[in-house]
Protein backbone atom coordinates (compact mmCIF):
# COMPACT_ATOMS: atom_id res chain seq x y z
CA MET A 1 34.60 47.66 33.67
CA ASP A 2 32.87 44.46 32.63
CA SER A 3 29.31 44.42 33.99
CA GLN A 4 28.34 40.94 32.82
CA VAL A 5 26.78 38.55 35.32
CA VAL A 6 27.87 34.92 35.44
CA VAL A 7 25.69 32.44 37.30
CA ILE A 8 27.02 29.02 38.24
CA ALA A 9 24.35 26.62 39.44
CA ASP A 10 25.25 23.21 40.86
CA VAL A 11 22.15 21.04 41.28
CA SER A 12 21.42 17.39 41.79
CA SER A 13 18.42 15.11 41.84
CA SER A 14 17.73 11.66 43.18
CA PRO A 15 19.30 8.98 40.95
CA GLU A 16 15.93 7.95 39.53
CA ASN A 17 15.22 11.54 38.37
CA ALA A 18 18.68 12.27 36.94
CA ASP A 19 17.80 11.88 33.25
CA GLU A 20 14.60 13.89 33.63
CA LEU A 21 16.46 16.71 35.40
CA GLY A 22 19.00 16.80 32.59
CA ALA A 23 16.30 17.00 29.94
CA VAL A 24 14.49 19.82 31.75
CA LEU A 25 17.74 21.75 32.27
CA GLN A 26 18.45 21.48 28.53
CA GLU A 27 14.94 22.80 27.82
CA LEU A 28 15.51 25.70 30.23
CA GLY A 29 18.86 26.46 28.59
CA ALA A 30 17.35 26.48 25.10
CA ALA A 31 14.70 28.98 26.20
CA CYS A 32 17.26 31.13 28.00
CA ARG A 33 19.58 31.33 24.99
CA LYS A 34 16.75 33.08 23.09
CA GLU A 35 16.78 36.01 25.52
CA PRO A 36 18.44 39.16 24.13
CA GLY A 37 20.43 39.59 27.36
CA CYS A 38 21.74 36.04 27.56
CA LYS A 39 25.29 35.65 26.24
CA SER A 40 25.42 31.88 26.85
CA TYR A 41 23.88 29.05 28.86
CA GLU A 42 25.67 25.71 29.12
CA VAL A 43 24.71 22.59 31.08
CA PHE A 44 27.25 19.96 32.15
CA ARG A 45 26.61 16.53 33.68
CA SER A 46 29.02 15.07 36.22
CA LEU A 47 30.96 12.00 35.10
CA ASP A 48 31.23 10.70 38.68
CA GLN A 49 27.74 11.61 39.88
CA PRO A 50 25.29 11.38 36.96
CA GLU A 51 22.51 12.94 39.03
CA ARG A 52 24.57 16.15 39.38
CA TYR A 53 24.55 19.02 36.86
CA VAL A 54 26.33 22.35 36.65
CA SER A 55 25.01 25.17 34.50
CA ILE A 56 27.03 28.24 33.59
CA GLU A 57 24.94 31.20 32.48
CA LYS A 58 26.25 34.52 31.23
CA TYR A 59 24.14 37.69 30.96
CA ILE A 60 25.12 41.08 29.59
CA ASP A 61 24.33 42.76 32.92
CA ALA A 62 22.30 42.53 36.14
CA ASP A 63 19.17 43.86 34.42
CA ALA A 64 19.32 41.04 31.87
CA PHE A 65 19.62 38.49 34.66
CA ALA A 66 16.68 40.07 36.49
CA ALA A 67 14.59 39.88 33.30
CA HIS A 68 15.52 36.20 33.01
CA ARG A 69 14.30 35.53 36.57
CA GLU A 70 11.01 37.33 35.82
CA SER A 71 10.30 35.52 32.56
CA GLU A 72 7.27 33.28 32.14
CA TYR A 73 9.35 30.33 30.97
CA PHE A 74 11.63 30.62 34.03
CA ARG A 75 8.60 30.41 36.29
CA GLU A 76 7.21 27.49 34.29
CA ILE A 77 10.37 25.47 33.63
CA GLY A 78 12.82 26.64 36.30
CA LEU A 79 10.53 26.97 39.28
CA GLY A 80 7.77 24.60 38.14
CA ARG A 81 9.81 21.69 36.77
CA VAL A 82 13.49 21.96 37.74
CA MET A 83 13.01 22.82 41.41
CA PRO A 84 10.72 19.86 42.23
CA LEU A 85 13.37 17.47 40.84
CA THR A 86 16.23 19.09 42.77
CA VAL A 87 17.50 17.65 46.06
CA THR A 88 20.60 19.87 46.39
CA ARG A 89 21.20 23.31 44.95
CA ASP A 90 24.07 25.80 45.13
CA VAL A 91 23.80 28.93 42.99
CA GLN A 92 26.55 31.55 42.84
CA MET A 93 26.60 34.88 41.03
CA HIS A 94 29.80 36.49 39.78
CA THR A 95 30.71 39.59 37.82
CA SER A 96 33.71 41.43 36.39
CA SER A 97 36.13 38.79 35.21
CA ILE A 98 39.76 39.33 36.09
CA PRO A 99 42.81 38.08 34.22
CA VAL A 100 44.59 35.12 35.77
CA PRO A 101 48.31 34.97 35.08
CA PRO A 102 49.59 31.81 33.43
CA LYS A 103 51.10 29.10 35.60
CA VAL A 104 54.82 29.55 35.99
CA THR A 105 56.74 26.32 35.49
């Protein structure tokens, strides 16, 4: 069974902080991608709400995600710089992908 952990974070800032939030999220993603347990970290900006971002993070397992949360850079960038810019935040964790059958037409 697939033990990877997928984290989907949907965050937004005030309109005046939108560009700064995006830059800090990119910095956080770059640091995360250097972790041995990180499979990928992507950040997307909403077309309709430019102050809204979604990140999709994939880790090899729950231990790798826990190590990410305990890292110095996560405390510095994630907690110290992302969180103060955030006005809304929804973070979901998922595991064990399942196949989805193709749409029948």
